[in-house]
Amino acid sequence: MTRFLALLLLTPSAAFSAEVDAWSTTNFGNGYMAGANSWVNGYNQDQWWTDGGNAFSDTDHNNNDTPGLNGYGSGWAADNWLIQNSPDQVAQGGVEGEYGNEDNDTIGLVFAHNGSDTFYLAATSGDDAPPPLGFGNNNRVFLIKVDGGNESLLDEVNTNLGGLRHTLKAERNDNTVTVWLDGNQVIQVVDNTPLPAGEAGFYAYNSGWDGYGYGNSDAWFEDIRVYWTDDDNDGIVDDIDNCEFVANPAQTDTDGDGVGDDCEGGQPTDTGTPGDTDTDTDSDTDTDTDTDSDSDSDVDADTDADADTDQGSLDTALGGDKNTEEGFSVGSACACQTSGGTGGALLLLAAALVGIRRRE
């Protein structure tokens, strides 16, 4: 299996400019698959095999074979998935596979797989489809969400499958889940509670290998590719991109808040907090470099130009800073001075002028 491990900086695949391969394979080898090469299956009574490099489920089992064992997480036929248990988990991204189907079997792909009872399932169905569809769902493409064993049909469409080989692709990007069949988008839904990152792989229900080889009633997978999305095409996959829709391959985050500089405040050079419109290095919304939010450049929270906490008018009248002038008591009703100084001289001069005026 060819693997492309997740790196901080990845090169987009040539075929899909906004996709980055997690892993892919076109040859599954030969023999029993589950337990080999990190493949894990969910339904032990229906083994997965390879033949000629292709992958297939062995028998046409469904939940009707054993009443009472219906639903997902039961370990029965609804859990007939085969995933690649790899470290390259994908949240925003998808899976694509090519398959052949000579019968009316149900065959598809799982992704965002988090255990036997939590995953998305995209498939094409024959005459017997898994819960909650059931019997009689011929020629359909469907998308099912299984969350903690509770399944819900997100969407299904009628389609004329025709032909032997098809390509199925399914993807979650943010809260939108999309399914393509043979390159055509057939399903797109919004899931407001999307599943987290998980594994991806194959799915089969009432689908198997008849033991006689091609040309009879077989269904098989020929390849698979799992990928992350990269919406801004900067080589950083969306799962780890700190500025998902603006290309910023350097991932610069000056203030360390998890949001890239290029996404903050709508300014490519902004290094403040999200929503700032200034371009300085502090966390407030003014244009100076102190830590308060007023418009002056000192470190207090008032609007005058000195470094105390008053509003400045008395400072000017006294010819200095009232909080630092000798003998002044903050909070006192007496604006007097016990020793010499410019402020005291002004008060004495004012008193003398008043006395002269009264005498006149």
Protein backbone atom coordinates (compact mmCIF):
# COMPACT_ATOMS: atom_id res chain seq x y z
CA MET A 1 0.00 0.00 0.00
CA THR A 2 1.28 3.43 -0.92
CA ARG A 3 0.97 5.76 2.02
CA PHE A 4 1.36 9.52 2.29
CA LEU A 5 1.78 10.41 5.94
CA ALA A 6 0.33 13.66 7.29
CA LEU A 7 2.93 16.41 7.44
CA LEU A 8 2.53 20.00 8.45
CA LEU A 9 3.15 21.11 4.89
CA LEU A 10 1.73 18.82 2.20
CA THR A 11 1.70 19.08 -1.56
CA PRO A 12 -1.77 18.93 -3.15
CA SER A 13 -2.33 16.01 -5.47
CA ALA A 14 -2.07 16.81 -9.14
CA ALA A 15 -5.48 15.34 -9.95
CA PHE A 16 -7.41 17.28 -7.31
CA SER A 17 -6.05 20.76 -6.59
CA ALA A 18 -7.98 21.10 -3.32
CA GLU A 19 -7.32 17.59 -2.02
CA VAL A 20 -4.32 16.05 -0.27
CA ASP A 21 -3.93 12.27 -0.21
CA ALA A 22 -3.87 10.55 3.16
CA TRP A 23 -3.41 7.07 1.70
CA SER A 24 -4.37 5.05 -1.34
CA THR A 25 -3.96 1.60 -2.89
CA THR A 26 -4.74 -0.13 -6.16
CA ASN A 27 -3.58 -3.60 -5.13
CA PHE A 28 -4.82 -5.40 -2.03
CA GLY A 29 -2.57 -8.42 -2.45
CA ASN A 30 -3.92 -11.93 -2.00
CA GLY A 31 -5.55 -13.80 0.85
CA TYR A 32 -7.60 -12.92 3.92
CA MET A 33 -7.59 -9.14 4.46
CA ALA A 34 -8.80 -8.51 8.01
CA GLY A 35 -5.81 -8.40 10.34
CA ALA A 36 -3.34 -7.96 7.48
CA ASN A 37 -1.77 -4.62 6.54
CA SER A 38 -3.81 -2.76 9.20
CA TRP A 39 -7.20 -3.79 7.74
CA VAL A 40 -9.93 -4.27 10.35
CA ASN A 41 -13.41 -5.74 9.74
CA GLY A 42 -16.64 -5.41 11.70
CA TYR A 43 -18.49 -8.62 10.83
CA ASN A 44 -16.38 -11.64 11.58
CA GLN A 45 -18.77 -14.15 9.99
CA ASP A 46 -18.30 -12.61 6.57
CA GLN A 47 -14.63 -12.48 5.76
CA TRP A 48 -13.01 -10.08 3.33
CA TRP A 49 -10.62 -11.50 0.75
CA THR A 50 -8.50 -10.42 -2.17
CA ASP A 51 -8.36 -11.94 -5.61
CA GLY A 52 -6.24 -10.58 -8.43
CA GLY A 53 -5.48 -7.56 -6.23
CA ASN A 54 -9.17 -6.70 -5.71
CA ALA A 55 -11.09 -6.69 -2.42
CA PHE A 56 -14.44 -8.35 -1.81
CA SER A 57 -16.81 -9.57 0.89
CA ASP A 58 -17.13 -13.33 0.88
CA THR A 59 -20.90 -13.94 1.23
CA ASP A 60 -24.30 -12.33 0.64
CA HIS A 61 -25.29 -11.86 4.27
CA ASN A 62 -27.94 -9.45 5.56
CA ASN A 63 -29.71 -8.83 8.86
CA ASN A 64 -32.68 -10.96 7.81
CA ASP A 65 -30.45 -14.01 8.10
CA THR A 66 -30.60 -13.80 11.90
CA PRO A 67 -33.67 -11.99 13.28
CA GLY A 68 -33.00 -9.83 16.32
CA LEU A 69 -29.50 -8.88 15.26
CA ASN A 70 -30.46 -5.76 13.37
CA GLY A 71 -28.83 -2.36 13.42
CA TYR A 72 -25.32 -1.07 13.72
CA GLY A 73 -22.93 -2.08 16.47
CA SER A 74 -24.58 -5.48 16.83
CA GLY A 75 -21.69 -7.28 15.15
CA TRP A 76 -23.99 -8.70 12.50
CA ALA A 77 -24.35 -7.99 8.78
CA ALA A 78 -25.05 -4.26 9.11
CA ASP A 79 -21.50 -3.96 10.43
CA ASN A 80 -19.89 -5.53 7.36
CA TRP A 81 -17.30 -2.82 6.88
CA LEU A 82 -13.57 -3.15 6.30
CA ILE A 83 -11.51 -0.12 7.30
CA GLN A 84 -7.84 0.78 7.16
CA ASN A 85 -6.88 1.36 10.80
CA SER A 86 -4.29 4.02 10.08
CA PRO A 87 -2.91 7.05 11.95
CA ASP A 88 -4.10 9.29 9.12
CA GLN A 89 -7.57 10.09 10.44
CA VAL A 90 -9.70 12.47 8.40
CA ALA A 91 -12.40 14.90 9.52
CA GLN A 92 -12.65 17.29 6.59
CA GLY A 93 -12.04 15.08 3.60
CA GLY A 94 -13.35 11.93 2.03
CA VAL A 95 -12.91 8.59 0.33
CA GLU A 96 -13.13 7.47 -3.27
CA GLY A 97 -13.23 3.97 -4.69
CA GLU A 98 -13.89 2.14 -7.93
CA TYR A 99 -15.92 -1.04 -7.82
CA GLY A 100 -17.48 -3.68 -10.02
CA ASN A 101 -20.90 -5.18 -9.44
CA GLU A 102 -22.34 -8.00 -11.56
CA ASP A 103 -25.33 -8.49 -9.27
CA ASN A 104 -27.84 -6.24 -7.49
CA ASP A 105 -25.75 -6.21 -4.31
CA THR A 106 -25.32 -3.29 -1.93
CA ILE A 107 -21.78 -2.00 -1.98
CA GLY A 108 -20.24 1.24 -0.76
CA LEU A 109 -17.80 3.18 1.41
CA VAL A 110 -17.57 4.23 5.06
CA PHE A 111 -15.74 7.31 6.36
CA ALA A 112 -15.35 9.29 9.60
CA HIS A 113 -15.44 5.81 11.13
CA ASN A 114 -15.14 5.83 14.93
CA GLY A 115 -15.87 2.28 16.01
CA SER A 116 -18.54 -0.18 14.94
CA ASP A 117 -21.44 2.16 15.70
CA THR A 118 -20.31 5.59 14.46
CA PHE A 119 -19.60 6.42 10.80
CA TYR A 120 -20.99 7.76 7.53
CA LEU A 121 -22.04 5.22 4.91
CA ALA A 122 -22.42 6.03 1.22
CA ALA A 123 -23.46 3.17 -1.06
CA THR A 124 -25.44 1.97 -4.03
CA SER A 125 -28.11 -0.57 -3.19
CA GLY A 126 -29.58 -3.66 -4.73
CA ASP A 127 -32.81 -5.32 -3.67
CA ASP A 128 -31.76 -5.61 -0.03
CA ALA A 129 -30.24 -2.52 1.58
CA PRO A 130 -29.07 -1.99 5.18
CA PRO A 131 -31.08 -0.24 7.91
CA PRO A 132 -32.99 2.00 7.78
CA LEU A 133 -33.66 1.32 4.07
CA GLY A 134 -34.44 -2.38 3.97
CA PHE A 135 -35.77 -4.62 1.24
CA GLY A 136 -36.87 -3.29 -2.14
CA ASN A 137 -34.48 -0.33 -2.54
CA ASN A 138 -33.19 -1.11 -6.01
CA ASN A 139 -31.04 1.29 -8.02
CA ARG A 140 -30.48 3.88 -5.33
CA VAL A 141 -27.58 5.88 -4.03
CA PHE A 142 -27.93 6.65 -0.34
CA LEU A 143 -26.13 8.37 2.53
CA ILE A 144 -26.60 7.10 6.08
CA LYS A 145 -25.22 8.55 9.30
CA VAL A 146 -24.66 6.13 12.17
CA ASP A 147 -24.02 7.88 15.48
CA GLY A 148 -23.71 5.74 18.58
CA GLY A 149 -25.67 2.96 16.89
CA ASN A 150 -28.53 5.29 15.91
CA GLU A 151 -28.86 5.35 12.15
CA SER A 152 -30.48 8.12 10.13
CA LEU A 153 -30.99 8.32 6.39
CA LEU A 154 -29.54 11.69 5.36
CA ASP A 155 -30.60 11.32 1.73
CA GLU A 156 -31.25 8.86 -1.09
CA VAL A 157 -31.78 9.24 -4.82
CA ASN A 158 -33.02 6.94 -7.56
CA THR A 159 -30.45 6.24 -10.24
CA ASN A 160 -30.00 4.00 -13.24
CA LEU A 161 -26.73 2.35 -12.33
CA GLY A 162 -26.20 0.48 -15.58
CA GLY A 163 -22.83 -0.89 -16.57
CA LEU A 164 -20.45 -3.01 -14.56
CA ARG A 165 -17.95 -0.58 -13.05
CA HIS A 166 -18.63 2.60 -11.11
CA THR A 167 -16.74 5.18 -9.06
CA LEU A 168 -18.20 6.25 -5.73
CA LYS A 169 -16.89 9.23 -3.79
CA ALA A 170 -18.07 10.72 -0.48
CA GLU A 171 -16.77 13.69 1.48
CA ARG A 172 -17.43 15.82 4.55
CA ASN A 173 -16.24 19.42 4.41
CA ASP A 174 -17.18 21.46 7.50
CA ASN A 175 -20.86 20.51 7.98
CA THR A 176 -21.60 19.62 4.35
CA VAL A 177 -21.58 15.97 3.23
CA THR A 178 -21.48 15.23 -0.49
CA VAL A 179 -21.68 12.04 -2.56
CA TRP A 180 -20.63 11.61 -6.19
CA LEU A 181 -21.35 8.68 -8.51
CA ASP A 182 -19.19 8.36 -11.62
CA GLY A 183 -18.05 11.96 -11.21
CA ASN A 184 -21.55 13.41 -10.87
CA GLN A 185 -22.77 14.92 -7.61
CA VAL A 186 -25.89 13.01 -6.56
CA ILE A 187 -26.28 13.93 -2.88
CA GLN A 188 -25.38 16.98 -0.80
CA VAL A 189 -26.74 17.56 2.68
CA VAL A 190 -25.96 19.75 5.68
CA ASP A 191 -25.20 17.91 8.91
CA ASN A 192 -25.21 20.40 11.78
CA THR A 193 -23.64 17.84 14.13
CA PRO A 194 -20.95 16.31 11.90
CA LEU A 195 -18.95 13.31 13.00
CA PRO A 196 -15.33 13.86 14.11
CA ALA A 197 -12.22 12.59 12.36
CA GLY A 198 -12.07 8.88 11.73
CA GLU A 199 -11.00 6.04 9.46
CA ALA A 200 -12.27 5.06 6.01
CA GLY A 201 -12.84 1.87 4.06
CA PHE A 202 -15.29 -0.44 2.30
CA TYR A 203 -18.82 -1.58 3.03
CA ALA A 204 -20.86 -4.57 1.82
CA TYR A 205 -24.38 -5.71 2.63
CA ASN A 206 -25.98 -8.69 0.95
CA SER A 207 -22.92 -8.52 -1.28
CA GLY A 208 -20.33 -11.21 -1.89
CA TRP A 209 -18.18 -13.36 -4.13
CA ASP A 210 -19.96 -16.38 -5.54
CA GLY A 211 -16.81 -18.45 -5.90
CA TYR A 212 -17.04 -18.80 -9.65
CA GLY A 213 -15.05 -15.70 -10.63
CA TYR A 214 -15.88 -12.85 -12.98
CA GLY A 215 -18.90 -13.11 -15.23
CA ASN A 216 -21.33 -14.47 -12.67
CA SER A 217 -22.74 -12.53 -9.65
CA ASP A 218 -19.72 -10.98 -8.03
CA ALA A 219 -19.08 -7.58 -6.47
CA TRP A 220 -15.60 -6.24 -5.74
CA PHE A 221 -13.49 -3.14 -5.11
CA GLU A 222 -10.57 -2.30 -7.39
CA ASP A 223 -8.97 0.65 -5.58
CA ILE A 224 -9.46 3.19 -2.81
CA ARG A 225 -8.16 6.67 -2.04
CA VAL A 226 -8.60 8.64 1.20
CA TYR A 227 -7.88 12.36 1.29
CA TRP A 228 -8.10 15.59 3.26
CA THR A 229 -9.67 18.72 1.77
CA ASP A 230 -7.59 21.87 1.33
CA ASP A 231 -10.09 24.64 0.55
CA ASP A 232 -7.57 27.45 0.06
CA ASN A 233 -5.14 25.19 -1.83
CA ASP A 234 -2.13 26.30 0.21
CA GLY A 235 -0.84 22.78 0.95
CA ILE A 236 -2.13 22.83 4.55
CA VAL A 237 -5.10 20.50 4.98
CA ASP A 238 -8.28 21.93 6.47
CA ASP A 239 -8.05 19.68 9.54
CA ILE A 240 -4.98 21.62 10.75
CA ASP A 241 -5.15 24.90 8.77
CA ASN A 242 -5.36 27.95 11.08
CA CYS A 243 -6.78 30.06 8.23
CA GLU A 244 -8.90 27.64 6.22
CA PHE A 245 -10.16 29.87 3.42
CA VAL A 246 -7.17 32.20 2.91
CA ALA A 247 -3.93 30.76 1.57
CA ASN A 248 -1.25 31.05 4.27
CA PRO A 249 1.28 28.22 3.86
CA ALA A 250 3.52 29.74 6.55
CA GLN A 251 0.68 29.42 9.13
CA THR A 252 1.95 32.54 10.96
CA ASP A 253 0.07 33.10 14.23
CA THR A 254 1.86 35.92 16.04
CA ASP A 255 -0.43 36.14 19.06
CA GLY A 256 -0.67 32.35 19.42
CA ASP A 257 -4.48 32.24 19.59
CA GLY A 258 -4.87 29.45 17.02
CA VAL A 259 -6.10 31.80 14.29
CA GLY A 260 -3.60 32.69 11.57
CA ASP A 261 -2.57 36.30 11.15
CA ASP A 262 -4.09 36.37 7.67
CA CYS A 263 -7.55 35.60 9.10
CA GLU A 264 -7.67 38.14 11.91
CA GLY A 265 -9.62 41.36 11.64
CA GLY A 266 -9.83 41.04 7.90
CA GLN A 267 -6.30 42.44 7.66
CA PRO A 268 -3.55 40.23 6.21
CA THR A 269 -0.95 41.91 8.46
CA ASP A 270 -3.01 42.05 11.65
CA THR A 271 -1.41 40.44 14.69
CA GLY A 272 -4.03 41.33 17.30
CA THR A 273 -6.92 39.19 18.47
CA PRO A 274 -9.73 38.02 16.14
CA GLY A 275 -11.96 40.96 15.26
CA ASP A 276 -9.29 43.64 15.76
CA THR A 277 -8.96 46.28 13.08
CA ASP A 278 -5.64 47.68 14.30
CA THR A 279 -2.24 46.41 13.24
CA ASP A 280 -0.19 46.80 16.43
CA THR A 281 0.97 43.96 18.65
CA ASP A 282 -1.25 44.42 21.70
CA SER A 283 -4.68 42.86 22.25
CA ASP A 284 -6.87 45.98 22.29
CA THR A 285 -8.53 47.81 19.43
CA ASP A 286 -6.63 51.12 19.41
CA THR A 287 -3.49 51.89 17.44
CA ASP A 288 -0.94 52.35 20.23
CA THR A 289 1.20 49.71 21.89
CA ASP A 290 0.07 49.97 25.50
CA THR A 291 -2.34 47.48 27.03
CA ASP A 292 -5.34 49.72 27.71
CA SER A 293 -8.09 50.59 25.25
CA ASP A 294 -8.00 54.41 25.37
CA SER A 295 -6.53 56.61 22.68
CA ASP A 296 -3.41 57.89 24.45
CA SER A 297 -0.09 56.13 24.69
CA ASP A 298 0.36 55.91 28.46
CA VAL A 299 -0.49 52.86 30.54
CA ASP A 300 -3.47 54.20 32.49
CA ALA A 301 -7.09 53.98 31.42
CA ASP A 302 -7.96 57.70 31.15
CA THR A 303 -7.70 59.96 28.16
CA ASP A 304 -5.20 62.57 29.34
CA ALA A 305 -1.54 62.38 28.51
CA ASP A 306 -0.13 61.78 31.99
CA ALA A 307 0.29 58.44 33.70
CA ASP A 308 -2.21 58.83 36.57
CA THR A 309 -5.88 57.92 36.71
CA ASP A 310 -7.49 61.43 36.74
CA GLN A 311 -8.87 63.35 33.78
CA GLY A 312 -6.16 65.99 33.65
CA SER A 313 -7.92 69.39 34.05
CA LEU A 314 -6.73 70.09 37.63
CA ASP A 315 -3.22 68.95 36.77
CA THR A 316 -2.96 71.67 34.17
CA ALA A 317 -4.36 74.37 36.44
CA LEU A 318 -1.86 73.51 39.16
CA GLY A 319 1.01 73.42 36.74
CA GLY A 320 1.77 69.76 37.41
CA ASP A 321 0.43 66.36 38.33
CA LYS A 322 -1.91 66.59 41.32
CA ASN A 323 -1.17 63.04 42.40
CA THR A 324 2.55 63.61 42.58
CA GLU A 325 2.62 67.25 43.77
CA GLU A 326 4.14 67.45 47.27
CA GLY A 327 1.60 67.54 50.12
CA PHE A 328 -1.46 66.80 48.00
CA SER A 329 -3.84 64.21 49.40
CA VAL A 330 -5.88 62.25 46.88
CA GLY A 331 -9.53 62.22 47.86
CA SER A 332 -9.23 65.17 50.24
CA ALA A 333 -11.49 68.19 49.90
CA CYS A 334 -8.51 70.44 50.68
CA ALA A 335 -6.48 71.36 47.61
CA CYS A 336 -3.78 72.95 49.83
CA GLN A 337 -0.04 72.62 50.06
CA THR A 338 2.14 72.63 53.20
CA SER A 339 5.39 73.61 51.57
CA GLY A 340 6.59 75.70 48.71
CA GLY A 341 5.88 74.86 45.09
CA THR A 342 4.37 76.27 41.94
CA GLY A 343 0.87 75.05 42.76
CA GLY A 344 0.90 76.75 46.18
CA ALA A 345 2.15 80.03 44.71
CA LEU A 346 -0.74 80.11 42.28
CA LEU A 347 -3.26 79.64 45.11
CA LEU A 348 -1.71 82.50 47.15
CA LEU A 349 -1.71 84.79 44.12
CA ALA A 350 -5.39 84.02 43.44
CA ALA A 351 -6.30 84.83 47.08
CA ALA A 352 -4.44 88.15 46.95
CA LEU A 353 -6.25 89.17 43.75
CA VAL A 354 -9.63 88.43 45.36
CA GLY A 355 -8.73 90.59 48.40
CA ILE A 356 -7.69 93.52 46.21
CA ARG A 357 -10.93 93.33 44.25
CA ARG A 358 -13.04 93.38 47.45
CA ARG A 359 -11.22 96.48 48.67
CA GLU A 360 -11.92 98.23 45.43
